[in-house]
Structure formats: structure tokens, C-alpha cells
Protein backbone atom coordinates (compact mmCIF):
# COMPACT_ATOMS: atom_id res chain seq x y z
CA MET A 1 28.74 39.26 120.64
CA ALA A 2 24.96 39.26 121.17
CA ARG A 3 23.14 35.94 121.20
CA ALA A 4 19.50 35.51 120.26
CA GLN A 5 17.07 34.89 123.11
CA GLY A 6 13.39 34.09 122.91
CA ALA A 7 12.65 36.56 125.71
CA ARG A 8 13.72 39.42 123.42
CA ALA A 9 11.93 38.18 120.29
CA GLN A 10 9.18 40.32 118.79
CA MET A 11 6.37 39.73 116.33
CA ALA A 12 4.46 42.24 114.20
CA LEU A 13 1.49 41.56 111.93
CA ALA A 14 -0.32 43.44 109.16
CA PHE A 15 -2.99 42.40 106.67
CA GLU A 16 -2.02 42.57 103.00
CA SER A 17 -4.13 44.39 100.44
CA VAL A 18 -2.73 42.08 97.73
CA TYR A 19 -1.44 38.56 98.34
CA GLY A 20 2.35 38.52 98.66
CA PRO A 21 3.79 42.04 99.00
CA ALA A 22 4.14 43.25 102.59
CA PRO A 23 2.35 46.52 103.31
CA ALA A 24 4.45 49.56 104.22
CA THR A 25 2.26 50.51 107.20
CA GLY A 26 -0.44 49.07 109.42
CA PHE A 27 1.66 46.67 111.49
CA ARG A 28 0.66 45.74 115.03
CA THR A 29 2.78 43.99 117.61
CA VAL A 30 1.20 40.73 118.75
CA PRO A 31 1.93 38.70 121.89
CA PHE A 32 2.98 35.10 121.38
CA ALA A 33 4.29 32.23 123.49
CA SER A 34 6.30 30.38 120.83
CA THR A 35 6.58 30.06 117.08
CA SER A 36 7.94 27.61 114.53
CA LEU A 37 7.15 29.88 111.57
CA GLY A 38 10.06 29.69 109.16
CA SER A 39 11.31 28.84 105.70
CA GLU A 40 13.33 25.79 104.74
CA GLN A 41 14.90 24.47 101.55
CA PRO A 42 16.17 20.89 101.58
CA LEU A 43 18.98 19.55 99.42
CA ILE A 44 18.57 16.73 96.91
CA ALA A 45 21.45 14.26 96.77
CA SER A 46 23.04 13.68 93.38
CA GLU A 47 22.07 10.48 91.54
CA LEU A 48 24.80 10.71 88.87
CA LEU A 49 27.12 7.79 88.15
CA GLY A 50 30.51 7.66 86.54
CA GLN A 51 31.96 10.42 88.69
CA GLY A 52 33.80 8.24 91.16
CA ARG A 53 32.72 7.04 94.62
CA ASP A 54 32.38 10.55 96.01
CA PRO A 55 29.05 12.16 95.04
CA THR A 56 28.77 15.39 93.11
CA ALA A 57 27.26 18.48 94.75
CA PRO A 58 23.59 18.34 95.79
CA ILE A 59 21.02 20.70 94.32
CA LYS A 60 18.45 22.84 96.08
CA ASP A 61 14.84 21.66 96.32
CA ALA A 62 11.67 23.77 96.54
CA LEU A 63 11.17 26.35 99.29
CA THR A 64 8.60 25.76 102.03
CA ALA A 65 7.44 28.50 104.38
CA ASP A 66 5.03 27.58 107.15
CA GLY A 67 4.79 26.90 110.86
CA ASP A 68 2.78 27.38 114.05
CA VAL A 69 2.34 30.35 116.36
CA VAL A 70 1.10 29.81 119.92
CA VAL A 71 -0.85 32.89 121.03
CA PRO A 72 -2.89 33.82 124.10
CA ILE A 73 -6.66 33.90 123.81
CA ASP A 74 -7.17 37.48 124.91
CA VAL A 75 -9.71 40.26 124.63
CA GLU A 76 -8.20 42.34 121.79
CA ASN A 77 -5.24 40.72 119.99
CA PHE A 78 -7.05 37.42 119.36
CA GLY A 79 -9.35 39.23 116.95
CA LEU A 80 -6.46 39.54 114.49
CA TRP A 81 -6.08 35.76 114.33
CA LEU A 82 -9.87 35.28 114.10
CA LYS A 83 -9.90 37.62 111.10
CA GLY A 84 -7.14 35.58 109.46
CA THR A 85 -9.10 32.39 110.12
CA PHE A 86 -12.63 33.43 109.14
CA GLY A 87 -12.30 36.72 107.26
CA ALA A 88 -13.31 40.23 108.28
CA PRO A 89 -15.98 40.41 110.98
CA THR A 90 -19.26 42.28 111.11
CA THR A 91 -18.83 44.93 113.83
CA THR A 92 -21.78 46.44 115.68
CA GLY A 93 -22.35 48.53 118.80
CA THR A 94 -20.71 51.60 120.26
CA THR A 95 -19.12 50.68 123.59
CA PRO A 96 -18.43 47.85 123.70
CA LYS A 97 -17.98 46.69 120.11
CA THR A 98 -19.26 43.27 119.06
CA HIS A 99 -17.20 41.59 116.33
CA THR A 100 -18.94 38.62 114.71
CA PHE A 101 -16.85 36.18 112.63
CA GLN A 102 -18.60 33.53 110.52
CA SER A 103 -17.40 30.38 108.79
CA GLY A 104 -17.98 29.73 105.12
CA ASN A 105 -16.23 32.70 103.46
CA TRP A 106 -14.86 31.88 100.02
CA THR A 107 -11.93 34.28 100.33
CA LEU A 108 -9.59 34.74 103.29
CA PRO A 109 -7.16 37.59 104.00
CA SER A 110 -3.41 37.15 103.87
CA MET A 111 -0.96 38.62 106.36
CA ALA A 112 2.62 39.79 106.53
CA ILE A 113 4.30 38.70 109.76
CA GLU A 114 7.72 39.88 110.90
CA VAL A 115 9.59 37.83 113.50
CA ALA A 116 12.41 39.88 114.99
CA MET A 117 15.53 38.94 116.91
CA PRO A 118 16.90 42.46 117.42
CA GLU A 119 20.07 41.46 119.24
CA VAL A 120 21.56 39.58 116.24
CA PRO A 121 20.00 41.52 114.40
CA ARG A 122 17.65 39.37 112.31
CA TYR A 123 14.29 40.53 110.98
CA ALA A 124 12.44 37.80 109.06
CA MET A 125 9.40 38.97 107.10
CA TYR A 126 6.96 36.24 106.09
CA THR A 127 4.54 37.37 103.41
CA GLY A 128 1.41 35.73 102.07
CA CYS A 129 0.65 34.15 105.48
CA MET A 130 -2.74 32.48 105.63
CA VAL A 131 -4.34 30.61 108.53
CA ASP A 132 -4.66 26.91 107.76
CA GLN A 133 -5.80 25.84 111.23
CA LEU A 134 -6.81 27.34 114.56
CA SER A 135 -7.08 25.16 117.66
CA TRP A 136 -7.23 25.39 121.44
CA GLN A 137 -7.93 23.33 124.53
CA MET A 138 -10.13 23.97 127.57
CA SER A 139 -9.36 22.61 131.01
CA ARG A 140 -9.90 23.50 134.66
CA SER A 141 -6.58 25.26 135.16
CA GLY A 142 -3.45 26.40 133.35
CA LEU A 143 -2.75 28.99 130.67
CA LEU A 144 -5.31 29.45 127.91
CA THR A 145 -3.60 29.58 124.51
CA ALA A 146 -4.43 28.85 120.89
CA THR A 147 -2.24 27.37 118.17
CA VAL A 148 -2.37 29.05 114.75
CA ARG A 149 -1.01 27.00 111.85
CA LEU A 150 0.15 29.21 108.99
CA ILE A 151 1.12 28.71 105.35
CA ALA A 152 3.29 31.51 103.96
CA GLN A 153 4.46 32.38 100.47
CA GLY A 154 8.02 33.21 101.35
CA GLU A 155 10.60 34.66 103.70
CA ALA A 156 12.78 37.77 103.42
CA ILE A 157 15.56 38.35 105.95
CA ASP A 158 17.07 41.75 106.74
CA THR A 159 19.11 43.43 109.48
CA VAL A 160 16.56 46.23 109.94
CA THR A 161 12.84 46.10 110.50
CA ALA A 162 10.39 46.49 107.62
CA ALA A 163 7.41 46.90 109.95
CA GLY A 164 8.02 50.57 110.73
CA THR A 165 6.62 51.60 114.11
CA PRO A 166 3.89 49.08 114.94
CA THR A 167 0.90 49.98 117.09
CA THR A 168 -0.08 47.88 120.08
CA LEU A 169 -3.40 46.58 121.31
CA ALA A 170 -4.05 46.09 125.01
CA LEU A 171 -3.30 42.68 126.49
CA GLN A 172 -6.01 41.26 128.75
CA ARG A 173 -6.03 37.47 128.79
CA PHE A 174 -8.90 35.11 129.31
CA GLY A 175 -8.23 32.20 131.64
CA HIS A 176 -9.64 28.72 131.98
CA PHE A 177 -11.35 29.94 135.16
CA ASN A 178 -13.49 32.26 133.00
CA GLY A 179 -14.61 29.48 130.65
CA ALA A 180 -17.92 27.68 130.25
CA VAL A 181 -19.37 25.03 127.93
CA LYS A 182 -23.04 24.95 126.93
CA ARG A 183 -25.11 22.41 125.00
CA ASN A 184 -28.21 23.79 123.28
CA GLY A 185 -27.99 26.88 125.47
CA VAL A 186 -27.77 24.97 128.75
CA ALA A 187 -24.59 24.58 130.79
CA LEU A 188 -23.03 21.17 130.13
CA GLY A 189 -21.95 19.62 133.40
CA ASN A 190 -19.19 17.14 134.22
CA VAL A 191 -16.90 18.38 131.43
CA VAL A 192 -13.30 17.53 132.30
CA SER A 193 -11.63 18.94 129.17
CA ALA A 194 -12.46 20.08 125.67
CA GLU A 195 -10.62 20.56 122.39
CA VAL A 196 -11.63 22.64 119.37
CA THR A 197 -9.95 22.59 115.94
CA TYR A 198 -11.06 24.64 112.93
CA ALA A 199 -9.27 23.92 109.64
CA ASN A 200 -9.50 25.90 106.40
CA GLY A 201 -8.03 23.08 104.32
CA LEU A 202 -5.70 25.39 102.41
CA ASP A 203 -4.48 24.12 99.06
CA ARG A 204 -0.97 25.30 98.15
CA ILE A 205 -0.72 26.49 94.53
CA GLU A 206 2.73 25.12 93.69
CA THR A 207 3.44 26.59 90.27
CA ILE A 208 6.81 26.85 88.50
CA ARG A 209 8.46 30.15 89.44
CA ASN A 210 12.02 31.42 89.34
CA ASP A 211 11.88 32.43 93.02
CA GLY A 212 10.67 29.05 94.32
CA LYS A 213 7.63 30.53 96.05
CA ILE A 214 4.09 29.23 95.89
CA GLU A 215 1.52 31.14 93.84
CA GLY A 216 -0.99 31.20 96.68
CA ALA A 217 -3.08 29.10 99.03
CA ASP A 218 -6.76 28.56 98.24
CA PRO A 219 -9.31 27.67 100.93
CA GLY A 220 -10.67 24.13 100.55
CA MET A 221 -13.41 22.36 102.45
CA ALA A 222 -13.46 23.61 106.02
CA ALA A 223 -13.60 21.23 108.98
CA LEU A 224 -14.56 21.78 112.59
CA THR A 225 -13.72 18.96 114.94
CA GLY A 226 -13.00 18.52 118.60
CA LYS A 227 -13.13 16.37 121.66
CA ILE A 228 -14.92 16.59 124.98
CA GLU A 229 -14.04 14.46 127.98
CA VAL A 230 -16.86 14.13 130.52
CA ARG A 231 -17.45 12.31 133.77
CA PHE A 232 -20.08 9.69 133.03
CA ALA A 233 -23.08 10.92 135.07
CA ASP A 234 -26.02 10.55 132.65
CA SER A 235 -26.86 9.26 129.18
CA THR A 236 -27.68 12.56 127.48
CA LEU A 237 -24.67 12.64 125.18
CA VAL A 238 -24.67 8.88 124.60
CA THR A 239 -28.35 9.00 123.60
CA GLN A 240 -27.65 11.82 121.16
CA ALA A 241 -24.77 9.85 119.65
CA ILE A 242 -26.97 6.78 119.20
CA ASP A 243 -29.82 8.82 117.68
CA GLY A 244 -27.45 10.62 115.30
CA THR A 245 -29.01 14.02 115.99
CA PRO A 246 -26.95 17.24 116.15
CA CYS A 247 -26.66 19.68 119.02
CA GLU A 248 -25.22 23.14 119.44
CA LEU A 249 -22.03 23.46 121.49
CA GLU A 250 -20.92 26.81 122.85
CA PHE A 251 -17.48 27.53 124.31
CA ALA A 252 -17.32 30.88 126.07
CA TRP A 253 -15.08 33.06 128.23
CA SER A 254 -16.09 36.31 129.91
CA LEU A 255 -14.38 39.04 131.90
CA GLY A 256 -17.49 41.18 132.19
CA ALA A 257 -19.91 43.00 129.89
CA ASN A 258 -17.12 44.64 127.84
CA ALA A 259 -14.85 41.64 127.36
CA SER A 260 -15.97 38.21 126.19
CA PHE A 261 -15.31 35.56 123.56
CA THR A 262 -17.90 33.04 122.46
CA PHE A 263 -17.37 30.29 119.91
CA THR A 264 -20.46 28.37 118.79
CA ALA A 265 -20.56 25.20 116.69
CA HIS A 266 -24.14 25.14 115.45
CA ALA A 267 -24.54 21.49 114.41
CA VAL A 268 -22.34 19.05 116.32
CA TYR A 269 -22.56 15.30 115.76
CA LEU A 270 -21.26 12.91 118.39
CA PRO A 271 -19.82 9.43 117.79
CA ARG A 272 -20.96 6.54 119.92
CA PRO A 273 -18.20 6.19 122.54
CA ARG A 274 -16.71 3.18 124.25
CA ILE A 275 -17.50 3.34 127.96
CA GLU A 276 -14.63 1.69 129.82
CA ILE A 277 -14.14 0.92 133.50
CA PRO A 278 -10.37 1.27 134.01
CA GLY A 279 -10.43 0.80 137.78
CA PRO A 280 -12.06 2.04 140.98
CA GLN A 281 -11.82 5.72 140.04
CA GLY A 282 -14.54 7.76 138.35
CA ILE A 283 -15.63 6.68 134.88
CA GLN A 284 -15.18 9.09 131.98
CA ALA A 285 -16.46 9.15 128.41
CA SER A 286 -14.69 10.72 125.46
CA PHE A 287 -16.57 12.13 122.46
CA GLU A 288 -14.57 13.10 119.36
CA TRP A 289 -17.20 15.30 117.76
CA ARG A 290 -17.54 16.74 114.28
CA ALA A 291 -19.52 19.79 113.19
CA ALA A 292 -21.40 20.44 109.98
CA LYS A 293 -23.40 23.24 108.36
CA ALA A 294 -26.57 23.87 110.31
CA THR A 295 -30.00 24.66 108.95
CA SER A 296 -30.41 27.81 111.01
CA PRO A 297 -28.14 29.68 110.99
CA ALA A 298 -26.93 28.33 107.64
CA ARG A 299 -23.29 27.99 108.62
CA MET A 300 -21.04 25.73 110.65
CA CYS A 301 -19.79 28.08 113.37
CA THR A 302 -19.77 31.63 114.69
CA ALA A 303 -17.14 33.41 116.79
CA VAL A 304 -18.14 36.57 118.69
CA LEU A 305 -15.50 38.79 120.32
CA VAL A 306 -16.66 41.68 122.50
CA ASN A 307 -14.17 44.45 123.31
CA THR A 308 -13.49 48.14 122.74
CA VAL A 309 -11.50 47.80 119.49
CA THR A 310 -13.10 49.95 116.79
CA SER A 311 -12.47 47.55 113.91
CA TYR A 312 -10.26 44.73 112.66
């Protein structure tokens, strides 16, 4: 008897034209490191009395479908998750193509995602998937991945795939070695690590339905937060925090002229940090920053992905 193994798992993704129903075509296989995307339905214990000491049967509670997907930050596939997070990009150029994603869209696309365990076989199709949060970390070494938090409408399980024959984009990963951090267009030195989290603040529409699914998930107030850990070498960031003025932070990776990813937070505010001396080693300062809508451009952030993909 076959047993499920993560090494044989597969994932396919397609954007829905209407929230909920999975499209018949248009699926693409996507690389992933791990996933907790799934559906669960808890049981409610009986509260009835007068039936003896042994309780009566529990009843089913509401369905919940959500979870995280850990994906590589790469040249081509990452654009699918950026589209789910920010909406469709503006694409310019011939070769390479420049895909520009902007924050602030009132409507976001939904996706159908199939997670397959072919050896069982088990093919779980999650429809109405929307990106609630996208986050990643920067460091000096290690694997560069992003965590996508999803809210889905529901789950359908079958023994055969419903994704047809998915197409595949090329896999070319960025690495921490290719990364850089800039402040107001100038390289920011002494950065030990950085974190970026963009949240759409999705609001589940939990209406009464006979299938237990949610009606949808509406985008709420967006939030862009993060953290940078720096070796304490000058007072530039501390002075900015004290003055309460914003700066522009840019997080970028490049593999050449035809492959790059740049994420820019246009108005970043820094809190005044506590500068501690823990011992004889180097002193570090931690800034848990928060971004807001800038004056020019009139948005909170911009993500630019350069590759040879025609469109997303």
C-alpha cells in the first residue's frame, strides 16, 4: 500500500474568473517548501442533560479553510503570489518584461489551488483562495523563502486531478547573497537581518449557508510592517526615529539585467529603539518599522519583478 510522502507532493494554481468555482484550465505547477493549507471542521460537545452520564453525540461546527504556503522567492513563479497579494501588475518592456505591482487595490484576485498526493491518491482542491499575508526574511546566508498566508472558501477532495495538465514556469531562485537594502536610494550598511510583512487584512464573510462555506473575503486596511537589525555604527536611524520623519526602504535581489525583484516601502516610520549593551560583543539596534501611504508616489509600497514572462 502506498504511503503519502512530502517529496512526491505537487501543487497547481490558477486564478479564478469568479470567486469560488475552480477554472477548468489555466493551472500552473508551483514550487513550494511546505504547506499547512487545509480544511477543518471541529465538533461541538453536547450540552444536553437528562440523558444519563454518557454524553449524546457531538454536532459538527463551521468549516474553516486556510493555511500557509512556504514558497521560494524566484524569478518567475513568485509573480503568481505577488499577483494574489497586490492584484494584476502593469507589464512593460519587450525583453525583459517589467511587472509592477502596487498596493492599494480595492479588489484582489482569488485562486484555485490543488494540493496533490498522487500515491494515495488524494487531490485536494481549495477554491476561493485569497492572500491574507505575505512575509519574508533577509539574512546573510541560508535559503530565501516567503510565507503566503491564505484564506480559502472551501475544500473538495477527489482521487483524480481537476487541474488538467498544468504548465510550468522556469525555476531560478534568488538567494540572500543577491540581496541588498537601501535607504532613500543609498545602500544601508551594517544591516544584520531584515523582515518584511504585508497584510491585506482580509475580512471573512461568514454568512449562513447550507454548505458551511464562507461567502467571501473582503480586503480591509492593509498593513506593511517589518524589522531591521543593525550593528550600531552611527545615529542616522536613531535620529530619524526621534524626529518622526519617514524614509524609503528598498529590498532588492538581482541575478542580472533580465532577472531581479525589488520591493520598495515608500514611507517608513521608525520607532525609537532601546540601545542595550549585553556584553563585550558588538552592539546592535532593532527597529520594528511601520510603513504608511506616501505623498509621492501616493501609495504604500511597490513590487517590481523583472523576467521574461509575458504576463501574469
